[in-house]
N, C-alpha and C. Protein backbone atom coordinates (compact mmCIF):
# COMPACT_ATOMS: atom_id res chain seq x y z
N MET A 1 -89.24 35.05 -46.23
CA MET A 1 -88.98 33.77 -45.60
C MET A 1 -87.48 33.60 -45.54
N ASN A 2 -86.99 33.08 -44.42
CA ASN A 2 -85.55 32.83 -44.26
C ASN A 2 -85.16 31.66 -45.03
N ALA A 3 -84.04 31.70 -45.79
CA ALA A 3 -83.59 30.64 -46.68
C ALA A 3 -83.16 29.35 -45.92
N THR A 4 -82.78 29.56 -44.63
CA THR A 4 -82.34 28.40 -43.87
C THR A 4 -83.47 27.58 -43.26
N GLN A 5 -84.69 28.17 -43.22
CA GLN A 5 -85.81 27.45 -42.66
C GLN A 5 -86.42 26.53 -43.70
N PRO A 6 -86.79 25.29 -43.34
CA PRO A 6 -87.37 24.42 -44.31
C PRO A 6 -88.79 24.92 -44.72
N THR A 7 -89.07 24.59 -45.93
CA THR A 7 -90.41 24.87 -46.48
C THR A 7 -91.02 23.58 -46.90
N HIS A 8 -92.30 23.63 -47.30
CA HIS A 8 -92.91 22.40 -47.80
C HIS A 8 -92.24 21.86 -49.02
N ALA A 9 -91.76 22.75 -49.84
CA ALA A 9 -91.10 22.34 -51.11
C ALA A 9 -89.70 21.82 -50.86
N ASN A 10 -89.01 22.35 -49.81
CA ASN A 10 -87.66 21.94 -49.53
C ASN A 10 -87.51 21.42 -48.10
N HIS A 11 -87.96 20.25 -47.86
CA HIS A 11 -87.89 19.67 -46.49
C HIS A 11 -86.77 18.63 -46.38
N GLN A 12 -85.92 18.49 -47.35
CA GLN A 12 -84.81 17.52 -47.31
C GLN A 12 -83.91 17.72 -46.12
N PRO A 13 -83.48 18.95 -45.74
CA PRO A 13 -82.56 19.07 -44.57
C PRO A 13 -83.30 18.58 -43.28
N VAL A 14 -84.55 18.78 -43.17
CA VAL A 14 -85.28 18.35 -41.96
C VAL A 14 -85.32 16.79 -41.94
N GLN A 15 -85.62 16.18 -43.05
CA GLN A 15 -85.62 14.69 -43.14
C GLN A 15 -84.30 14.12 -42.80
N GLU A 16 -83.21 14.71 -43.31
CA GLU A 16 -81.86 14.22 -43.04
C GLU A 16 -81.55 14.35 -41.59
N ALA A 17 -81.93 15.45 -41.00
CA ALA A 17 -81.66 15.65 -39.57
C ALA A 17 -82.45 14.67 -38.71
N LEU A 18 -83.65 14.35 -39.09
CA LEU A 18 -84.45 13.43 -38.30
C LEU A 18 -83.87 11.98 -38.39
N GLN A 19 -83.27 11.68 -39.54
CA GLN A 19 -82.74 10.35 -39.70
C GLN A 19 -81.31 10.16 -39.22
N ALA A 20 -80.66 11.29 -38.83
CA ALA A 20 -79.29 11.22 -38.36
C ALA A 20 -79.21 10.44 -37.05
N VAL A 21 -78.18 9.69 -36.90
CA VAL A 21 -77.93 8.91 -35.71
C VAL A 21 -76.96 9.66 -34.84
N LEU A 22 -77.26 9.85 -33.57
CA LEU A 22 -76.32 10.56 -32.69
C LEU A 22 -75.04 9.74 -32.52
N ARG A 23 -75.20 8.44 -32.27
CA ARG A 23 -74.01 7.57 -32.08
C ARG A 23 -74.51 6.17 -32.37
N GLU A 24 -73.70 5.46 -33.14
CA GLU A 24 -74.01 4.03 -33.45
C GLU A 24 -73.82 3.20 -32.22
N HIS A 25 -74.54 2.07 -32.18
CA HIS A 25 -74.39 1.11 -31.13
C HIS A 25 -72.96 0.53 -31.20
N ALA A 26 -72.43 0.08 -30.12
CA ALA A 26 -71.07 -0.36 -29.98
C ALA A 26 -70.77 -1.44 -31.03
N GLU A 27 -71.68 -2.39 -31.24
CA GLU A 27 -71.46 -3.51 -32.18
C GLU A 27 -71.41 -3.00 -33.61
N GLN A 28 -72.00 -1.83 -33.93
CA GLN A 28 -71.88 -1.23 -35.23
C GLN A 28 -70.64 -0.40 -35.36
N GLN A 29 -70.36 0.37 -34.36
CA GLN A 29 -69.22 1.30 -34.39
C GLN A 29 -67.91 0.50 -34.40
N TYR A 30 -67.84 -0.57 -33.74
CA TYR A 30 -66.60 -1.38 -33.64
C TYR A 30 -66.74 -2.75 -34.31
N ALA A 31 -67.57 -2.82 -35.34
CA ALA A 31 -67.81 -4.11 -36.04
C ALA A 31 -66.51 -4.73 -36.58
N GLY A 32 -65.59 -3.87 -37.07
CA GLY A 32 -64.31 -4.45 -37.57
C GLY A 32 -63.54 -5.12 -36.51
N GLU A 33 -63.46 -4.51 -35.33
CA GLU A 33 -62.68 -5.08 -34.25
C GLU A 33 -63.35 -6.39 -33.77
N LEU A 34 -64.68 -6.36 -33.60
CA LEU A 34 -65.38 -7.54 -33.18
C LEU A 34 -65.19 -8.68 -34.19
N ALA A 35 -65.25 -8.39 -35.47
CA ALA A 35 -65.08 -9.42 -36.52
C ALA A 35 -63.69 -10.01 -36.48
N GLU A 36 -62.67 -9.12 -36.29
CA GLU A 36 -61.28 -9.58 -36.25
C GLU A 36 -61.06 -10.47 -35.00
N LEU A 37 -61.60 -10.07 -33.91
CA LEU A 37 -61.50 -10.87 -32.68
C LEU A 37 -62.17 -12.26 -32.83
N ALA A 38 -63.37 -12.25 -33.48
CA ALA A 38 -64.11 -13.52 -33.67
C ALA A 38 -63.33 -14.46 -34.56
N GLU A 39 -62.68 -13.87 -35.62
CA GLU A 39 -61.92 -14.69 -36.54
C GLU A 39 -60.74 -15.36 -35.88
N LEU A 40 -60.02 -14.63 -35.01
CA LEU A 40 -58.86 -15.19 -34.33
C LEU A 40 -59.15 -15.90 -33.05
N ASP A 41 -60.35 -15.79 -32.52
CA ASP A 41 -60.66 -16.40 -31.24
C ASP A 41 -60.96 -17.86 -31.35
N ASP A 42 -59.99 -18.67 -30.91
CA ASP A 42 -60.17 -20.12 -30.90
C ASP A 42 -60.30 -20.67 -29.47
N ARG A 43 -60.50 -19.78 -28.52
CA ARG A 43 -60.64 -20.20 -27.13
C ARG A 43 -62.07 -20.63 -26.84
N GLN A 44 -62.25 -21.38 -25.73
CA GLN A 44 -63.59 -21.84 -25.35
C GLN A 44 -64.48 -20.74 -24.99
N ARG A 45 -65.74 -20.81 -25.41
CA ARG A 45 -66.71 -19.79 -25.10
C ARG A 45 -67.80 -20.31 -24.25
N PRO A 46 -68.27 -19.48 -23.33
CA PRO A 46 -69.47 -19.93 -22.53
C PRO A 46 -70.67 -20.07 -23.45
N PRO A 47 -71.65 -20.79 -23.08
CA PRO A 47 -72.87 -20.99 -23.91
C PRO A 47 -73.47 -19.64 -24.35
N ASN A 48 -73.80 -19.53 -25.59
CA ASN A 48 -74.43 -18.39 -26.22
C ASN A 48 -73.54 -17.12 -26.32
N TRP A 49 -72.28 -17.22 -26.04
CA TRP A 49 -71.35 -16.11 -26.20
C TRP A 49 -70.83 -16.04 -27.61
N LYS A 50 -70.69 -14.84 -28.15
CA LYS A 50 -70.13 -14.69 -29.51
C LYS A 50 -68.61 -14.75 -29.42
N LEU A 51 -67.99 -14.37 -28.33
CA LEU A 51 -66.54 -14.32 -28.15
C LEU A 51 -66.18 -15.06 -26.84
N SER A 52 -64.91 -15.46 -26.70
CA SER A 52 -64.47 -16.06 -25.45
C SER A 52 -64.22 -14.94 -24.46
N PRO A 53 -64.12 -15.29 -23.14
CA PRO A 53 -63.77 -14.25 -22.16
C PRO A 53 -62.47 -13.50 -22.50
N TRP A 54 -61.50 -14.19 -23.06
CA TRP A 54 -60.24 -13.52 -23.42
C TRP A 54 -60.55 -12.46 -24.46
N ALA A 55 -61.34 -12.76 -25.48
CA ALA A 55 -61.61 -11.85 -26.57
C ALA A 55 -62.44 -10.66 -26.05
N VAL A 56 -63.37 -10.93 -25.14
CA VAL A 56 -64.21 -9.86 -24.57
C VAL A 56 -63.26 -8.90 -23.80
N ARG A 57 -62.39 -9.46 -22.98
CA ARG A 57 -61.41 -8.59 -22.23
C ARG A 57 -60.59 -7.81 -23.19
N THR A 58 -60.08 -8.40 -24.23
CA THR A 58 -59.19 -7.73 -25.24
C THR A 58 -59.99 -6.63 -25.94
N TYR A 59 -61.27 -6.92 -26.28
CA TYR A 59 -62.12 -5.92 -26.94
C TYR A 59 -62.27 -4.71 -26.09
N ILE A 60 -62.50 -4.88 -24.79
CA ILE A 60 -62.77 -3.75 -23.90
C ILE A 60 -61.47 -3.01 -23.52
N LEU A 61 -60.42 -3.73 -23.19
CA LEU A 61 -59.18 -3.09 -22.74
C LEU A 61 -58.20 -2.75 -23.87
N GLY A 62 -58.48 -3.33 -25.04
CA GLY A 62 -57.61 -3.03 -26.24
C GLY A 62 -56.32 -3.87 -26.18
N GLY A 63 -55.62 -3.84 -27.28
CA GLY A 63 -54.36 -4.58 -27.34
C GLY A 63 -54.05 -4.97 -28.77
N LYS A 64 -52.91 -5.54 -28.95
CA LYS A 64 -52.45 -5.96 -30.24
C LYS A 64 -52.68 -7.49 -30.40
N LEU A 65 -53.37 -7.89 -31.47
CA LEU A 65 -53.68 -9.28 -31.73
C LEU A 65 -52.47 -9.97 -32.34
N PRO A 66 -52.41 -11.28 -32.31
CA PRO A 66 -51.28 -12.03 -32.85
C PRO A 66 -51.02 -11.67 -34.35
N ASN A 67 -52.05 -11.32 -35.10
CA ASN A 67 -51.86 -11.01 -36.48
C ASN A 67 -51.48 -9.54 -36.73
N GLY A 68 -51.24 -8.79 -35.63
CA GLY A 68 -50.81 -7.36 -35.76
C GLY A 68 -51.95 -6.40 -35.71
N PHE A 69 -53.25 -6.83 -35.73
CA PHE A 69 -54.36 -5.95 -35.69
C PHE A 69 -54.45 -5.30 -34.29
N GLU A 70 -54.66 -3.99 -34.34
CA GLU A 70 -54.72 -3.21 -33.05
C GLU A 70 -56.17 -2.98 -32.65
N VAL A 71 -56.55 -3.45 -31.47
CA VAL A 71 -57.84 -3.23 -30.90
C VAL A 71 -57.82 -2.00 -29.99
N SER A 72 -58.68 -1.06 -30.25
CA SER A 72 -58.65 0.22 -29.45
C SER A 72 -59.29 -0.08 -28.06
N PRO A 73 -58.73 0.60 -27.07
CA PRO A 73 -59.34 0.46 -25.72
C PRO A 73 -60.64 1.18 -25.62
N LYS A 74 -61.65 0.57 -25.01
CA LYS A 74 -62.88 1.23 -24.78
C LYS A 74 -63.02 1.70 -23.31
N TYR A 75 -62.19 1.17 -22.46
CA TYR A 75 -62.17 1.52 -21.04
C TYR A 75 -60.73 1.72 -20.59
N ILE A 76 -60.49 2.83 -19.98
CA ILE A 76 -59.18 3.13 -19.45
C ILE A 76 -59.30 3.15 -17.93
N GLY A 77 -58.81 2.08 -17.33
CA GLY A 77 -58.91 2.02 -15.88
C GLY A 77 -58.33 0.70 -15.39
N ASN A 78 -58.82 0.23 -14.25
CA ASN A 78 -58.33 -0.96 -13.60
C ASN A 78 -58.75 -2.17 -14.42
N ALA A 79 -57.82 -2.81 -15.00
CA ALA A 79 -58.07 -4.03 -15.85
C ALA A 79 -58.68 -5.15 -15.01
N ARG A 80 -58.38 -5.23 -13.76
CA ARG A 80 -58.87 -6.24 -12.88
C ARG A 80 -60.40 -6.14 -12.79
N LEU A 81 -60.94 -4.94 -12.79
CA LEU A 81 -62.40 -4.78 -12.74
C LEU A 81 -63.07 -5.37 -13.93
N VAL A 82 -62.50 -5.18 -15.09
CA VAL A 82 -63.00 -5.73 -16.34
C VAL A 82 -62.94 -7.25 -16.28
N GLU A 83 -61.79 -7.81 -15.79
CA GLU A 83 -61.66 -9.25 -15.73
C GLU A 83 -62.69 -9.85 -14.75
N ILE A 84 -62.95 -9.20 -13.65
CA ILE A 84 -63.95 -9.67 -12.68
C ILE A 84 -65.35 -9.62 -13.29
N ALA A 85 -65.65 -8.55 -14.02
CA ALA A 85 -66.96 -8.44 -14.70
C ALA A 85 -67.11 -9.55 -15.72
N VAL A 86 -66.12 -9.78 -16.55
CA VAL A 86 -66.19 -10.85 -17.57
C VAL A 86 -66.35 -12.20 -16.93
N ALA A 87 -65.55 -12.47 -15.88
CA ALA A 87 -65.55 -13.74 -15.19
C ALA A 87 -66.97 -13.99 -14.56
N THR A 88 -67.53 -12.93 -14.01
CA THR A 88 -68.81 -13.07 -13.36
C THR A 88 -69.92 -13.42 -14.40
N LEU A 89 -69.85 -12.75 -15.54
CA LEU A 89 -70.83 -13.02 -16.59
C LEU A 89 -70.65 -14.39 -17.26
N ALA A 90 -69.43 -14.94 -17.16
CA ALA A 90 -69.22 -16.29 -17.73
C ALA A 90 -69.87 -17.39 -16.88
N THR A 91 -70.28 -17.04 -15.68
CA THR A 91 -71.01 -17.94 -14.82
C THR A 91 -72.51 -17.77 -15.04
N ASP A 92 -73.32 -18.34 -14.20
CA ASP A 92 -74.78 -18.15 -14.27
C ASP A 92 -75.19 -16.95 -13.41
N ARG A 93 -74.25 -16.12 -12.95
CA ARG A 93 -74.59 -14.99 -12.07
C ARG A 93 -74.82 -13.75 -12.88
N ALA A 94 -75.46 -12.80 -12.25
CA ALA A 94 -75.72 -11.53 -12.84
C ALA A 94 -74.62 -10.56 -12.46
N LEU A 95 -74.50 -9.43 -13.16
CA LEU A 95 -73.49 -8.40 -12.85
C LEU A 95 -74.23 -7.10 -12.59
N LEU A 96 -73.94 -6.47 -11.45
CA LEU A 96 -74.48 -5.14 -11.21
C LEU A 96 -73.34 -4.17 -11.10
N LEU A 97 -73.40 -3.15 -12.01
CA LEU A 97 -72.38 -2.11 -11.98
C LEU A 97 -72.93 -0.95 -11.17
N TYR A 98 -72.25 -0.58 -10.13
CA TYR A 98 -72.78 0.39 -9.22
C TYR A 98 -71.70 1.47 -8.97
N GLY A 99 -72.08 2.75 -9.03
CA GLY A 99 -71.07 3.74 -8.75
C GLY A 99 -71.62 5.14 -9.05
N LEU A 100 -70.82 6.15 -8.88
CA LEU A 100 -71.21 7.51 -9.12
C LEU A 100 -71.43 7.76 -10.57
N PRO A 101 -72.22 8.78 -10.86
CA PRO A 101 -72.44 9.13 -12.32
C PRO A 101 -71.10 9.48 -12.99
N GLY A 102 -71.00 9.08 -14.19
CA GLY A 102 -69.79 9.41 -14.99
C GLY A 102 -68.63 8.49 -14.79
N THR A 103 -68.88 7.30 -14.19
CA THR A 103 -67.78 6.37 -13.97
C THR A 103 -67.79 5.22 -15.01
N ALA A 104 -68.38 5.42 -16.11
CA ALA A 104 -68.36 4.46 -17.28
C ALA A 104 -69.19 3.19 -17.06
N LYS A 105 -70.21 3.21 -16.15
CA LYS A 105 -71.02 2.03 -15.99
C LYS A 105 -71.82 1.68 -17.24
N SER A 106 -72.50 2.66 -17.82
CA SER A 106 -73.27 2.44 -18.99
C SER A 106 -72.43 2.09 -20.16
N THR A 107 -71.30 2.71 -20.35
CA THR A 107 -70.35 2.42 -21.40
C THR A 107 -69.84 1.01 -21.27
N MET A 108 -69.48 0.64 -20.05
CA MET A 108 -68.94 -0.71 -19.85
C MET A 108 -70.03 -1.73 -20.15
N SER A 109 -71.26 -1.50 -19.69
CA SER A 109 -72.31 -2.48 -19.95
C SER A 109 -72.59 -2.60 -21.43
N GLU A 110 -72.60 -1.50 -22.13
CA GLU A 110 -72.85 -1.51 -23.61
C GLU A 110 -71.78 -2.38 -24.29
N HIS A 111 -70.53 -2.18 -23.95
CA HIS A 111 -69.49 -2.87 -24.66
C HIS A 111 -69.43 -4.39 -24.19
N LEU A 112 -69.73 -4.67 -22.97
CA LEU A 112 -69.84 -6.08 -22.57
C LEU A 112 -70.92 -6.78 -23.35
N ALA A 113 -72.11 -6.12 -23.45
CA ALA A 113 -73.23 -6.76 -24.16
C ALA A 113 -72.90 -6.89 -25.65
N ALA A 114 -72.21 -5.91 -26.22
CA ALA A 114 -71.82 -5.98 -27.67
C ALA A 114 -70.87 -7.17 -27.89
N ALA A 115 -69.87 -7.32 -27.03
CA ALA A 115 -68.89 -8.39 -27.25
C ALA A 115 -69.45 -9.76 -26.95
N ILE A 116 -70.29 -9.85 -25.92
CA ILE A 116 -70.78 -11.15 -25.49
C ILE A 116 -71.93 -11.66 -26.39
N SER A 117 -72.88 -10.80 -26.65
CA SER A 117 -74.05 -11.21 -27.39
C SER A 117 -74.20 -10.66 -28.79
N GLY A 118 -73.39 -9.63 -29.11
CA GLY A 118 -73.54 -8.98 -30.39
C GLY A 118 -74.66 -7.98 -30.45
N ASP A 119 -75.31 -7.71 -29.32
CA ASP A 119 -76.43 -6.76 -29.31
C ASP A 119 -76.26 -5.95 -28.01
N SER A 120 -75.82 -4.73 -28.14
CA SER A 120 -75.57 -3.88 -26.97
C SER A 120 -76.82 -3.26 -26.35
N THR A 121 -77.99 -3.55 -26.96
CA THR A 121 -79.22 -3.02 -26.44
C THR A 121 -79.78 -3.98 -25.34
N LEU A 122 -79.13 -5.08 -25.11
CA LEU A 122 -79.57 -6.10 -24.12
C LEU A 122 -78.97 -5.77 -22.77
N MET A 123 -79.46 -4.73 -22.16
CA MET A 123 -78.96 -4.41 -20.80
C MET A 123 -80.03 -3.74 -20.04
N ILE A 124 -79.98 -3.79 -18.71
CA ILE A 124 -80.99 -3.22 -17.85
C ILE A 124 -80.46 -1.96 -17.25
N GLN A 125 -81.20 -0.88 -17.38
CA GLN A 125 -80.81 0.32 -16.76
C GLN A 125 -81.64 0.60 -15.52
N GLY A 126 -81.06 1.13 -14.50
CA GLY A 126 -81.72 1.46 -13.28
C GLY A 126 -81.25 2.83 -12.74
N THR A 127 -81.93 3.27 -11.75
CA THR A 127 -81.55 4.54 -11.06
C THR A 127 -81.47 4.29 -9.60
N ALA A 128 -81.12 5.31 -8.83
CA ALA A 128 -81.01 5.20 -7.41
C ALA A 128 -82.40 4.85 -6.80
N GLY A 129 -83.47 5.16 -7.51
CA GLY A 129 -84.82 4.92 -7.03
C GLY A 129 -85.35 3.55 -7.42
N THR A 130 -84.55 2.76 -8.15
CA THR A 130 -84.98 1.44 -8.55
C THR A 130 -85.07 0.50 -7.36
N ASP A 131 -86.22 -0.17 -7.19
CA ASP A 131 -86.47 -1.01 -6.08
C ASP A 131 -85.51 -2.23 -6.13
N GLU A 132 -85.00 -2.67 -4.96
CA GLU A 132 -84.12 -3.79 -4.87
C GLU A 132 -84.67 -5.05 -5.51
N ASN A 133 -85.97 -5.30 -5.27
CA ASN A 133 -86.58 -6.48 -5.85
C ASN A 133 -86.65 -6.46 -7.35
N THR A 134 -86.76 -5.26 -7.93
CA THR A 134 -86.72 -5.13 -9.38
C THR A 134 -85.41 -5.51 -9.91
N ILE A 135 -84.36 -5.08 -9.26
CA ILE A 135 -82.97 -5.41 -9.71
C ILE A 135 -82.68 -6.92 -9.53
N ARG A 136 -83.12 -7.43 -8.38
CA ARG A 136 -82.83 -8.81 -8.07
C ARG A 136 -83.62 -9.81 -8.91
N TYR A 137 -84.88 -9.51 -9.11
CA TYR A 137 -85.78 -10.54 -9.71
C TYR A 137 -86.37 -10.11 -11.09
N GLY A 138 -86.36 -8.82 -11.35
CA GLY A 138 -86.99 -8.31 -12.61
C GLY A 138 -86.27 -8.74 -13.90
N TRP A 139 -84.94 -8.85 -13.82
CA TRP A 139 -84.16 -9.19 -15.00
C TRP A 139 -84.37 -10.58 -15.48
N ASN A 140 -84.71 -11.49 -14.59
CA ASN A 140 -84.83 -12.92 -14.98
C ASN A 140 -86.20 -13.47 -14.66
N TYR A 141 -87.23 -12.62 -14.88
CA TYR A 141 -88.62 -13.02 -14.58
C TYR A 141 -89.00 -14.31 -15.25
N ALA A 142 -88.70 -14.44 -16.55
CA ALA A 142 -89.04 -15.64 -17.28
C ALA A 142 -88.37 -16.90 -16.68
N ARG A 143 -87.11 -16.71 -16.30
CA ARG A 143 -86.39 -17.85 -15.71
C ARG A 143 -86.99 -18.25 -14.39
N LEU A 144 -87.39 -17.26 -13.57
CA LEU A 144 -88.04 -17.54 -12.29
C LEU A 144 -89.33 -18.32 -12.48
N LEU A 145 -90.09 -17.96 -13.51
CA LEU A 145 -91.36 -18.65 -13.78
C LEU A 145 -91.08 -20.12 -14.10
N VAL A 146 -90.06 -20.42 -14.87
CA VAL A 146 -89.80 -21.73 -15.31
C VAL A 146 -89.11 -22.57 -14.24
N GLU A 147 -88.06 -22.00 -13.60
CA GLU A 147 -87.23 -22.81 -12.69
C GLU A 147 -87.58 -22.55 -11.21
N GLY A 148 -88.24 -21.45 -10.90
CA GLY A 148 -88.49 -21.13 -9.54
C GLY A 148 -87.25 -20.42 -8.91
N PRO A 149 -87.40 -19.83 -7.73
CA PRO A 149 -86.27 -19.18 -7.09
C PRO A 149 -85.25 -20.19 -6.60
N THR A 150 -84.02 -19.78 -6.56
CA THR A 150 -82.94 -20.68 -6.06
C THR A 150 -82.50 -20.28 -4.69
């Protein structure tokens, strides 16, 4: 028997491998930065937001805080796109990130969700085959039942 293969008596390496996490969620990986931003953030926040739009922008684009703490950038690109995304989410409108594969749409949505709600698993994923009605109405089905279409 090969010594590197697990046996019934020695299955510890297999258990450790099964429990290993490929990558932590954004709110876990950058918990220190989010906590530092929350502590210094005295700006107005939209309802149910953990951070203000300023702090969300700073979390994603990075920068130096007034106390000297350095926030690492999560997105390297056009800052205006991040500002538009944050401003859109601060209203009652939805945000659809659309583009070619590999253009940081999923990464951006994960970090936006982590900074705004504290839970980066709160996002809707779609593909090119996703029906338009699913995108338009599927995300807010409960709201449509209560309030009706606008």
